C-alpha atoms as a PDB file:
ATOM      1  CA  MET A   1     141.606-107.492 -36.772  1.00  0.00           C
ATOM      2  CA  PRO A   2     140.999-108.428 -40.407  1.00  0.00           C
ATOM      3  CA  ARG A   3     137.798-106.675 -41.401  1.00  0.00           C
ATOM      4  CA  TYR A   4     136.262-106.927 -44.831  1.00  0.00           C
ATOM      5  CA  ILE A   5     134.289-104.173 -46.532  1.00  0.00           C
ATOM      6  CA  GLY A   6     132.458-105.649 -49.494  1.00  0.00           C
ATOM      7  CA  SER A   7     134.933-108.056 -51.121  1.00  0.00           C
ATOM      8  CA  ALA A   8     138.161-106.110 -50.491  1.00  0.00           C
ATOM      9  CA  PRO A   9     140.221-106.176 -47.262  1.00  0.00           C
ATOM     10  CA  VAL A  10     140.523-103.008 -45.194  1.00  0.00           C
ATOM     11  CA  GLY A  11     144.139-102.601 -46.292  1.00  0.00           C
ATOM     12  CA  THR A  12     143.023-101.860 -49.839  1.00  0.00           C
ATOM     13  CA  HIS A  13     140.563 -99.235 -48.647  1.00  0.00           C
ATOM     14  CA  LEU A  14     143.190 -97.668 -46.378  1.00  0.00           C
ATOM     15  CA  PHE A  15     145.526 -97.431 -49.373  1.00  0.00           C
ATOM     16  CA  GLU A  16     142.787 -95.778 -51.428  1.00  0.00           C
ATOM     17  CA  LEU A  17     142.007 -93.369 -48.573  1.00  0.00           C
ATOM     18  CA  GLY A  18     145.710 -92.526 -48.303  1.00  0.00           C
ATOM     19  CA  ALA A  19     145.902 -91.775 -52.028  1.00  0.00           C
ATOM     20  CA  VAL A  20     142.803 -89.561 -51.810  1.00  0.00           C
ATOM     21  CA  LEU A  21     144.257 -87.745 -48.780  1.00  0.00           C
ATOM     22  CA  LEU A  22     147.533 -87.152 -50.640  1.00  0.00           C
ATOM     23  CA  LEU A  23     145.632 -85.741 -53.621  1.00  0.00           C
ATOM     24  CA  GLY A  24     143.606 -83.527 -51.281  1.00  0.00           C
ATOM     25  CA  LEU A  25     146.750 -82.256 -49.554  1.00  0.00           C
ATOM     26  CA  ASN A  26     148.298 -81.486 -52.951  1.00  0.00           C
ATOM     27  CA  LEU A  27     145.196 -79.519 -53.957  1.00  0.00           C
ATOM     28  CA  ILE A  28     145.229 -77.626 -50.646  1.00  0.00           C
ATOM     29  CA  GLY A  29     148.941 -76.897 -51.102  1.00  0.00           C
ATOM     30  CA  THR A  30     148.429 -75.506 -54.606  1.00  0.00           C
ATOM     31  CA  ILE A  31     145.480 -73.418 -53.412  1.00  0.00           C
ATOM     32  CA  ARG A  32     147.614 -72.012 -50.571  1.00  0.00           C
ATOM     33  CA  ILE A  33     150.439 -71.223 -52.997  1.00  0.00           C
ATOM     34  CA  ASP A  34     148.004 -69.509 -55.383  1.00  0.00           C
ATOM     35  CA  SER A  35     146.395 -67.469 -52.600  1.00  0.00           C
ATOM     36  CA  GLY A  36     149.849 -66.542 -51.270  1.00  0.00           C
ATOM     37  CA  GLY A  37     150.947 -65.421 -54.740  1.00  0.00           C
ATOM     38  CA  LEU A  38     147.775 -63.357 -55.143  1.00  0.00           C
ATOM     39  CA  ARG A  39     148.363 -61.755 -51.752  1.00  0.00           C
ATOM     40  CA  LYS A  40     151.954 -60.880 -52.652  1.00  0.00           C
ATOM     41  CA  ARG A  41     150.781 -59.317 -55.920  1.00  0.00           C
END
């Protein structure tokens, strides 16, 4: 099912979404680590 959003294929958008999700998970992970460290202190 090749779908096109604008001028780029969906694959490109999926790759961008994946990168954004990875960045979001990294931010959530750091926030969890910080909150855990604050709780321990």
